Protein backbone atom coordinates (compact mmCIF):
# COMPACT_ATOMS: atom_id res chain seq x y z
CA MET A 1 32.60 -4.50 10.92
CA GLN A 2 33.87 -7.61 12.49
CA PHE A 3 33.90 -11.05 11.39
CA THR A 4 31.19 -12.16 13.96
CA ASP A 5 28.88 -9.32 12.67
CA ILE A 6 29.35 -10.50 8.80
CA ILE A 7 27.75 -13.79 10.49
CA TYR A 8 24.80 -12.60 12.17
CA LEU A 9 23.71 -11.03 8.94
CA LEU A 10 24.60 -13.95 6.61
CA VAL A 11 22.65 -16.10 9.21
CA TRP A 12 19.67 -13.72 9.07
CA ALA A 13 19.47 -13.27 5.82
CA VAL A 14 19.72 -16.82 4.78
CA LEU A 15 16.76 -17.75 7.61
CA ALA A 16 14.69 -14.85 5.74
CA ALA A 17 15.03 -16.39 2.44
CA TYR A 18 14.84 -20.32 3.80
CA CYS A 19 11.19 -18.84 5.46
CA ILE A 20 9.75 -16.56 2.85
CA TYR A 21 10.38 -19.67 0.24
CA SER A 22 8.86 -22.31 2.22
CA ALA A 23 6.19 -20.63 2.76
CA ARG A 24 4.17 -21.35 0.18
CA LYS A 25 4.58 -25.20 0.49
CA LEU A 26 4.71 -25.41 4.57
CA SER A 27 2.75 -22.67 6.15
CA PRO A 28 1.84 -18.98 5.92
CA ILE A 29 3.25 -18.66 9.35
CA LEU A 30 6.76 -18.48 8.35
CA TYR A 31 6.03 -15.05 5.85
CA VAL A 32 5.95 -13.46 9.26
CA MET A 33 8.67 -15.63 10.13
CA GLY A 34 10.58 -14.27 7.49
CA GLY A 35 9.53 -10.95 7.77
CA PHE A 36 10.99 -11.27 11.48
CA PHE A 37 14.14 -12.16 10.03
CA VAL A 38 14.50 -9.33 7.56
CA PHE A 39 13.68 -7.10 10.42
CA MET A 40 16.63 -8.55 12.61
CA PHE A 41 18.91 -8.20 9.24
CA GLY A 42 18.08 -4.99 9.06
CA TRP A 43 18.55 -3.94 12.79
CA LYS A 44 22.02 -5.29 12.83
CA LEU A 45 23.33 -3.58 9.34
CA ALA A 46 22.17 -0.75 10.65
CA ASP A 47 24.00 -1.40 13.71
CA CYS A 48 27.08 -2.21 12.13
CA LEU A 49 27.00 0.69 9.42
CA LEU A 50 25.86 3.48 12.29
CA PRO A 51 28.14 5.49 14.79
CA PHE A 52 25.89 4.60 17.23
CA SER A 53 24.78 1.54 18.63
CA LEU A 54 21.31 -0.13 18.00
CA PHE A 55 21.47 -2.26 21.01
CA ALA A 56 21.79 -0.17 24.06
CA GLY A 57 19.45 2.66 25.48
CA ILE A 58 15.87 3.46 23.80
CA TYR A 59 16.90 1.47 20.80
CA ASN A 60 17.20 -1.57 22.41
CA ILE A 61 13.80 -0.90 23.89
CA ILE A 62 12.11 -0.21 20.56
CA PHE A 63 13.97 -3.38 19.39
CA ARG A 64 12.81 -5.53 22.27
CA ILE A 65 9.35 -3.99 21.41
CA VAL A 66 9.21 -5.23 18.10
CA ALA A 67 10.62 -8.78 19.32
CA ILE A 68 7.77 -9.24 21.40
CA VAL A 69 4.77 -8.05 18.69
CA PHE A 70 6.43 -10.26 15.90
CA LEU A 71 6.62 -13.38 18.85
CA ALA A 72 3.11 -12.57 19.67
CA VAL A 73 1.65 -12.61 16.45
CA ILE A 74 3.45 -16.06 15.21
CA ILE A 75 2.00 -17.50 18.54
CA LEU A 76 -1.00 -16.07 17.99
CA LEU A 77 -1.24 -17.13 14.55
CA TYR A 78 0.14 -20.92 15.31
CA VAL A 79 -2.96 -21.43 17.54
CA MET A 80 -5.41 -19.90 14.73
CA ILE A 81 -3.70 -22.79 12.35
CA LYS A 82 -3.78 -25.63 15.09
CA ARG A 83 -7.53 -24.47 16.06
CA LYS A 84 -8.57 -24.30 12.39
CA SER A 85 -6.98 -27.88 11.85
CA LYS A 86 -8.90 -29.81 14.22
């Protein structure tokens, strides 16, 4: 495992913890964002530990689809919260 891999893992873990911790005070959308960062942490950890790359081939396509779904859910929740607050 390289130094940059460890930095990425720490960044995803800290962002996930911060989003989940702040969700009660700020917005419930942060739970979804925290879940996304947990997913990113898990994917990067698995990529570091497995003998093959999870950022190549079909695994990269799966990763991108999951990331797009998270992004769509976050945007949908944001729009719903903004409409509700008006």
